[in-house]
Protein backbone atom coordinates (compact mmCIF):
# COMPACT_ATOMS: atom_id res chain seq x y z
CA UNK A 1 88.93 152.41 110.48
CA UNK A 2 86.35 149.86 110.87
CA UNK A 3 86.86 148.86 107.38
CA UNK A 4 89.71 146.73 108.47
CA UNK A 5 87.38 144.27 110.28
CA UNK A 6 84.97 144.00 107.25
CA UNK A 7 85.41 140.66 105.26
CA UNK A 8 86.00 141.20 101.52
CA UNK A 9 83.15 139.52 99.26
CA UNK A 10 85.49 138.76 96.65
CA UNK A 11 86.67 135.15 96.24
CA UNK A 12 90.10 134.53 97.47
CA UNK A 13 92.38 132.76 95.09
CA UNK A 14 95.31 131.70 97.40
CA UNK A 15 95.09 128.78 99.98
CA UNK A 16 95.78 131.14 102.88
CA UNK A 17 93.35 133.65 101.54
CA UNK A 18 90.66 131.19 101.48
CA UNK A 19 91.42 130.11 105.11
CA UNK A 20 92.06 133.38 106.31
CA UNK A 21 88.58 134.54 105.15
CA UNK A 22 86.97 132.19 107.57
CA UNK A 23 89.44 130.12 109.72
CA UNK A 24 87.01 128.63 112.00
CA UNK A 25 84.45 127.42 109.36
CA UNK A 26 83.86 123.60 109.52
CA UNK A 27 84.69 121.61 106.58
CA UNK A 28 84.60 118.00 105.61
CA UNK A 29 87.84 116.50 104.15
CA UNK A 30 85.87 116.04 100.81
CA UNK A 31 84.89 119.68 100.77
CA UNK A 32 88.63 120.84 101.76
CA UNK A 33 90.06 118.68 98.79
CA UNK A 34 87.54 120.21 96.19
CA UNK A 35 87.46 123.68 97.42
CA UNK A 36 91.45 123.91 97.70
CA UNK A 37 91.67 122.46 94.05
CA UNK A 38 93.71 119.42 95.42
CA UNK A 39 94.31 116.70 92.58
CA UNK A 40 91.38 114.19 93.66
CA UNK A 41 91.49 112.73 90.27
CA UNK A 42 95.06 111.50 91.05
CA UNK A 43 94.04 109.52 93.97
CA UNK A 44 93.78 105.64 93.64
CA UNK A 45 90.76 105.46 95.94
CA UNK A 46 89.49 109.11 96.91
CA UNK A 47 87.10 107.62 99.42
CA UNK A 48 89.70 105.68 101.27
CA UNK A 49 92.04 108.72 101.30
CA UNK A 50 89.28 110.86 102.77
CA UNK A 51 88.50 108.41 105.37
CA UNK A 52 92.11 108.11 106.24
CA UNK A 53 92.60 111.91 106.49
CA UNK A 54 89.22 112.24 108.47
CA UNK A 55 90.85 109.68 110.98
CA UNK A 56 93.86 111.79 111.24
CA UNK A 57 92.01 114.95 111.72
CA UNK A 58 89.82 113.35 114.29
CA UNK A 59 92.87 112.16 116.24
CA UNK A 60 94.53 115.54 116.37
CA UNK A 61 91.06 117.17 117.62
CA UNK A 62 90.68 114.43 120.30
CA UNK A 63 94.40 114.98 121.34
CA UNK A 64 94.12 118.51 121.55
CA UNK A 65 90.68 119.30 122.65
CA UNK A 66 89.73 120.91 119.37
CA UNK A 67 86.15 121.50 118.64
CA UNK A 68 84.79 119.54 115.31
CA UNK A 69 81.53 118.37 114.10
CA UNK A 70 81.08 114.55 114.45
CA UNK A 71 79.69 112.27 111.79
CA UNK A 72 76.05 111.63 111.58
CA UNK A 73 73.88 109.80 109.24
CA UNK A 74 73.26 112.99 107.27
CA UNK A 75 76.65 114.66 107.36
CA UNK A 76 80.26 113.61 107.42
CA UNK A 77 82.71 115.02 110.16
CA UNK A 78 83.76 118.34 109.82
CA UNK A 79 86.87 120.22 111.04
CA UNK A 80 88.10 123.94 111.43
CA UNK A 81 89.57 125.00 108.07
CA UNK A 82 92.66 126.56 109.98
CA UNK A 83 93.35 122.75 111.17
CA UNK A 84 93.62 121.41 107.74
CA UNK A 85 96.18 123.97 106.96
CA UNK A 86 98.12 122.62 110.19
CA UNK A 87 97.85 118.84 109.22
CA UNK A 88 98.46 119.41 105.70
CA UNK A 89 101.31 121.47 105.99
CA UNK A 90 104.64 120.12 104.61
CA UNK A 91 107.17 119.35 107.15
């Protein structure tokens, strides 16, 4: 019965599986794009796209009181994995 609550150590191959494995894990926009196999090479300017997405996620966090990790000189801003799913979800 307690096995239900154990997290599998195998890699999850689906988007929802990867998010569901640890939905509160903090990720930067760059980490999200690469981990979820998004087509970074198709972006004209990946850095600008990452910054724009970061601004969007930051606004959602501030507007809704969602915890996030602020940008520092050593690390980029990071947001909960579940939030990326909500923001990037197709309408």
